[in-house]
C-alpha atoms as a PDB file:
ATOM      1  CA  ALA A   1     178.913 111.841  68.139  1.00  0.00           C
ATOM      2  CA  GLY A   2     175.744 112.447  69.893  1.00  0.00           C
ATOM      3  CA  VAL A   3     174.529 108.955  69.011  1.00  0.00           C
ATOM      4  CA  PRO A   4     174.233 106.479  72.226  1.00  0.00           C
ATOM      5  CA  ALA A   5     176.203 103.305  71.796  1.00  0.00           C
ATOM      6  CA  THR A   6     173.954 101.578  74.249  1.00  0.00           C
ATOM      7  CA  SER A   7     171.022 101.854  76.519  1.00  0.00           C
ATOM      8  CA  THR A   8     170.208 100.312  79.739  1.00  0.00           C
ATOM      9  CA  PHE A   9     166.663 100.324  81.217  1.00  0.00           C
ATOM     10  CA  LEU A  10     166.538 100.975  84.691  1.00  0.00           C
ATOM     11  CA  PHE A  11     162.948 100.668  85.962  1.00  0.00           C
ATOM     12  CA  ASP A  12     159.378 102.208  85.622  1.00  0.00           C
ATOM     13  CA  GLY A  13     156.988 103.625  87.919  1.00  0.00           C
ATOM     14  CA  GLY A  14     154.238 101.905  89.805  1.00  0.00           C
ATOM     15  CA  ALA A  15     151.452 102.954  92.179  1.00  0.00           C
ATOM     16  CA  PHE A  16     152.482 106.231  93.778  1.00  0.00           C
ATOM     17  CA  ASP A  17     151.641 105.492  97.289  1.00  0.00           C
ATOM     18  CA  SER A  18     153.539 104.934 100.676  1.00  0.00           C
ATOM     19  CA  HIS A  19     155.246 101.797  99.326  1.00  0.00           C
ATOM     20  CA  TYR A  20     156.436 103.351  96.197  1.00  0.00           C
ATOM     21  CA  ASN A  21     160.104 103.955  97.396  1.00  0.00           C
ATOM     22  CA  LYS A  22     160.281 100.460  98.917  1.00  0.00           C
ATOM     23  CA  LEU A  23     159.368  98.620  95.530  1.00  0.00           C
ATOM     24  CA  PRO A  24     161.820  95.915  94.645  1.00  0.00           C
ATOM     25  CA  SER A  25     162.185  97.687  91.263  1.00  0.00           C
ATOM     26  CA  HIS A  26     163.502 100.592  93.036  1.00  0.00           C
ATOM     27  CA  ALA A  27     166.280  99.235  94.939  1.00  0.00           C
ATOM     28  CA  PRO A  28     169.917 100.705  94.175  1.00  0.00           C
ATOM     29  CA  LEU A  29     171.264  99.174  91.010  1.00  0.00           C
ATOM     30  CA  ARG A  30     174.884  98.317  89.880  1.00  0.00           C
ATOM     31  CA  ILE A  31     175.438  99.284  86.483  1.00  0.00           C
ATOM     32  CA  SER A  32     178.588  98.376  84.483  1.00  0.00           C
ATOM     33  CA  ILE A  33     179.984 101.176  82.421  1.00  0.00           C
ATOM     34  CA  PRO A  34     182.375 100.468  79.700  1.00  0.00           C
ATOM     35  CA  HIS A  35     186.092 101.834  80.634  1.00  0.00           C
ATOM     36  CA  ASP A  36     186.060 103.725  77.244  1.00  0.00           C
ATOM     37  CA  ALA A  37     182.795 105.467  77.741  1.00  0.00           C
ATOM     38  CA  VAL A  38     183.018 109.292  77.132  1.00  0.00           C
ATOM     39  CA  ARG A  39     179.821 110.364  78.314  1.00  0.00           C
ATOM     40  CA  VAL A  40     176.973 108.752  80.529  1.00  0.00           C
ATOM     41  CA  GLU A  41     173.489 110.307  80.850  1.00  0.00           C
ATOM     42  CA  ILE A  42     170.191 109.316  82.582  1.00  0.00           C
ATOM     43  CA  HIS A  43     167.162 109.979  80.592  1.00  0.00           C
ATOM     44  CA  SER A  44     164.037 110.259  82.822  1.00  0.00           C
ATOM     45  CA  THR A  45     160.424 111.102  82.172  1.00  0.00           C
ATOM     46  CA  VAL A  46     158.394 111.605  85.583  1.00  0.00           C
ATOM     47  CA  SER A  47     154.708 112.602  85.609  1.00  0.00           C
ATOM     48  CA  GLY A  48     151.519 112.468  87.924  1.00  0.00           C
ATOM     49  CA  HIS A  49     150.107 109.954  85.740  1.00  0.00           C
ATOM     50  CA  GLY A  50     148.573 106.985  87.594  1.00  0.00           C
ATOM     51  CA  TRP A  51     146.529 108.972  90.030  1.00  0.00           C
ATOM     52  CA  GLY A  52     143.929 106.363  90.337  1.00  0.00           C
ATOM     53  CA  SER A  53     146.145 104.001  92.054  1.00  0.00           C
ATOM     54  CA  THR A  54     145.545 106.015  95.512  1.00  0.00           C
ATOM     55  CA  GLU A  55     142.682 107.462  97.268  1.00  0.00           C
ATOM     56  CA  GLU A  56     144.228 110.879  97.527  1.00  0.00           C
ATOM     57  CA  ASN A  57     145.077 110.918  93.789  1.00  0.00           C
ATOM     58  CA  CYS A  58     148.712 112.015  94.915  1.00  0.00           C
ATOM     59  CA  ALA A  59     150.738 110.964  91.876  1.00  0.00           C
ATOM     60  CA  GLU A  60     148.549 113.799  89.982  1.00  0.00           C
ATOM     61  CA  PHE A  61     147.621 116.366  92.506  1.00  0.00           C
ATOM     62  CA  CYS A  62     150.440 116.407  95.056  1.00  0.00           C
ATOM     63  CA  VAL A  63     154.010 118.098  94.924  1.00  0.00           C
ATOM     64  CA  SER A  64     156.658 115.309  94.738  1.00  0.00           C
ATOM     65  CA  GLN A  65     160.398 114.974  94.495  1.00  0.00           C
ATOM     66  CA  HIS A  66     162.112 112.382  92.518  1.00  0.00           C
ATOM     67  CA  GLU A  67     165.915 111.722  92.917  1.00  0.00           C
ATOM     68  CA  PHE A  68     168.620 109.802  91.171  1.00  0.00           C
ATOM     69  CA  ARG A  69     171.654 108.990  93.390  1.00  0.00           C
ATOM     70  CA  LEU A  70     174.898 108.169  91.595  1.00  0.00           C
ATOM     71  CA  ARG A  71     178.129 107.000  93.226  1.00  0.00           C
ATOM     72  CA  PRO A  72     180.947 105.973  90.957  1.00  0.00           C
ATOM     73  CA  ALA A  73     182.840 102.576  91.813  1.00  0.00           C
ATOM     74  CA  LEU A  74     185.802 100.829  90.231  1.00  0.00           C
ATOM     75  CA  THR A  75     186.627  97.217  90.399  1.00  0.00           C
ATOM     76  CA  VAL A  76     189.960  96.104  90.205  1.00  0.00           C
ATOM     77  CA  ASP A  77     190.920  92.217  90.638  1.00  0.00           C
ATOM     78  CA  ASP A  78     187.467  91.435  92.069  1.00  0.00           C
ATOM     79  CA  GLN A  79     187.767  94.167  94.538  1.00  0.00           C
ATOM     80  CA  THR A  80     185.310  97.045  94.373  1.00  0.00           C
ATOM     81  CA  TYR A  81     186.426 100.666  95.250  1.00  0.00           C
ATOM     82  CA  VAL A  82     183.415 102.897  96.110  1.00  0.00           C
ATOM     83  CA  ALA A  83     183.791 106.652  95.793  1.00  0.00           C
ATOM     84  CA  PRO A  84     182.817 108.370  99.236  1.00  0.00           C
ATOM     85  CA  ASP A  85     180.627 111.128  97.419  1.00  0.00           C
ATOM     86  CA  GLN A  86     177.761 110.807  95.341  1.00  0.00           C
ATOM     87  CA  GLY A  87     175.860 113.004  92.757  1.00  0.00           C
ATOM     88  CA  VAL A  88     172.244 113.686  93.531  1.00  0.00           C
ATOM     89  CA  TYR A  89     169.858 114.819  90.699  1.00  0.00           C
ATOM     90  CA  THR A  90     166.637 115.777  91.687  1.00  0.00           C
ATOM     91  CA  GLN A  91     163.426 116.614  89.847  1.00  0.00           C
ATOM     92  CA  THR A  92     160.537 118.394  91.836  1.00  0.00           C
ATOM     93  CA  LEU A  93     157.058 118.494  90.347  1.00  0.00           C
ATOM     94  CA  LEU A  94     155.601 121.671  91.575  1.00  0.00           C
ATOM     95  CA  GLY A  95     152.844 122.167  89.215  1.00  0.00           C
ATOM     96  CA  ALA A  96     150.456 120.647  91.569  1.00  0.00           C
ATOM     97  CA  SER A  97     150.594 123.602  93.809  1.00  0.00           C
ATOM     98  CA  ASP A  98     150.045 126.082  90.980  1.00  0.00           C
ATOM     99  CA  ASP A  99     146.991 128.396  91.600  1.00  0.00           C
ATOM    100  CA  LEU A 100     146.352 128.705  87.851  1.00  0.00           C
ATOM    101  CA  GLY A 101     146.688 125.051  87.206  1.00  0.00           C
ATOM    102  CA  CYS A 102     147.271 124.131  83.584  1.00  0.00           C
ATOM    103  CA  ALA A 103     145.873 127.554  82.128  1.00  0.00           C
ATOM    104  CA  GLY A 104     149.094 129.439  83.101  1.00  0.00           C
ATOM    105  CA  LYS A 105     150.783 131.235  80.513  1.00  0.00           C
ATOM    106  CA  GLU A 106     153.974 128.854  80.434  1.00  0.00           C
ATOM    107  CA  ASP A 107     151.738 125.829  79.811  1.00  0.00           C
ATOM    108  CA  VAL A 108     149.807 127.489  76.977  1.00  0.00           C
ATOM    109  CA  LEU A 109     152.847 128.610  75.307  1.00  0.00           C
ATOM    110  CA  SER A 110     154.350 125.371  75.602  1.00  0.00           C
ATOM    111  CA  GLY A 111     151.965 123.721  72.989  1.00  0.00           C
ATOM    112  CA  VAL A 112     149.046 121.996  74.716  1.00  0.00           C
ATOM    113  CA  THR A 113     146.347 120.715  72.610  1.00  0.00           C
ATOM    114  CA  PRO A 114     143.670 123.307  71.664  1.00  0.00           C
ATOM    115  CA  ASN A 115     140.210 122.395  72.992  1.00  0.00           C
ATOM    116  CA  GLN A 116     141.327 119.753  75.202  1.00  0.00           C
ATOM    117  CA  TYR A 117     138.568 118.857  77.492  1.00  0.00           C
ATOM    118  CA  GLY A 118     139.483 118.335  81.140  1.00  0.00           C
ATOM    119  CA  THR A 119     140.040 120.180  84.578  1.00  0.00           C
ATOM    120  CA  TRP A 120     142.488 122.870  83.446  1.00  0.00           C
ATOM    121  CA  GLN A 121     142.122 124.892  86.788  1.00  0.00           C
ATOM    122  CA  TYR A 122     143.873 122.292  88.512  1.00  0.00           C
ATOM    123  CA  GLY A 123     147.510 122.020  88.712  1.00  0.00           C
ATOM    124  CA  ARG A 124     149.172 118.710  87.920  1.00  0.00           C
ATOM    125  CA  ALA A 125     152.251 117.225  88.709  1.00  0.00           C
ATOM    126  CA  GLY A 126     154.526 117.166  85.795  1.00  0.00           C
ATOM    127  CA  TRP A 127     151.819 117.273  83.050  1.00  0.00           C
ATOM    128  CA  CYS A 128     148.654 119.035  81.758  1.00  0.00           C
ATOM    129  CA  PRO A 129     145.660 117.522  80.044  1.00  0.00           C
ATOM    130  CA  GLY A 130     146.776 117.366  76.181  1.00  0.00           C
ATOM    131  CA  GLY A 131     150.263 118.444  76.959  1.00  0.00           C
ATOM    132  CA  GLY A 132     153.424 116.429  76.520  1.00  0.00           C
ATOM    133  CA  VAL A 133     155.579 115.223  79.629  1.00  0.00           C
ATOM    134  CA  ARG A 134     159.107 116.593  79.432  1.00  0.00           C
ATOM    135  CA  PRO A 135     162.050 114.386  80.044  1.00  0.00           C
ATOM    136  CA  TRP A 136     164.730 115.479  82.277  1.00  0.00           C
END
């Protein structure tokens, strides 16, 4: 119990620009889940790293929202039946709009690296200099 039986890589990031959601690697995926699976989880790490890929530095300094949409389906005798409803799981990175930036009490108490040089006065999307990126 608590130990994954298998893991499936879905995709990684890319340049966070106007083409991000249109990348072929971000197209909907069909994943087969064993019929005897008891639990299925998505493990994701999203941050604003990669800021240099756009002129606006938006991956790092803009509020962004990231979604996973899941829709169960069942295949019987080569016929696929898709559920009408989908689950939507959303992560919004609000840190970029924080007036205290990474100097806020929550960031300091969560264990950032002491004396980490950088621009602590600016809020970041999902991370701070010297701090870890929290999975969701």
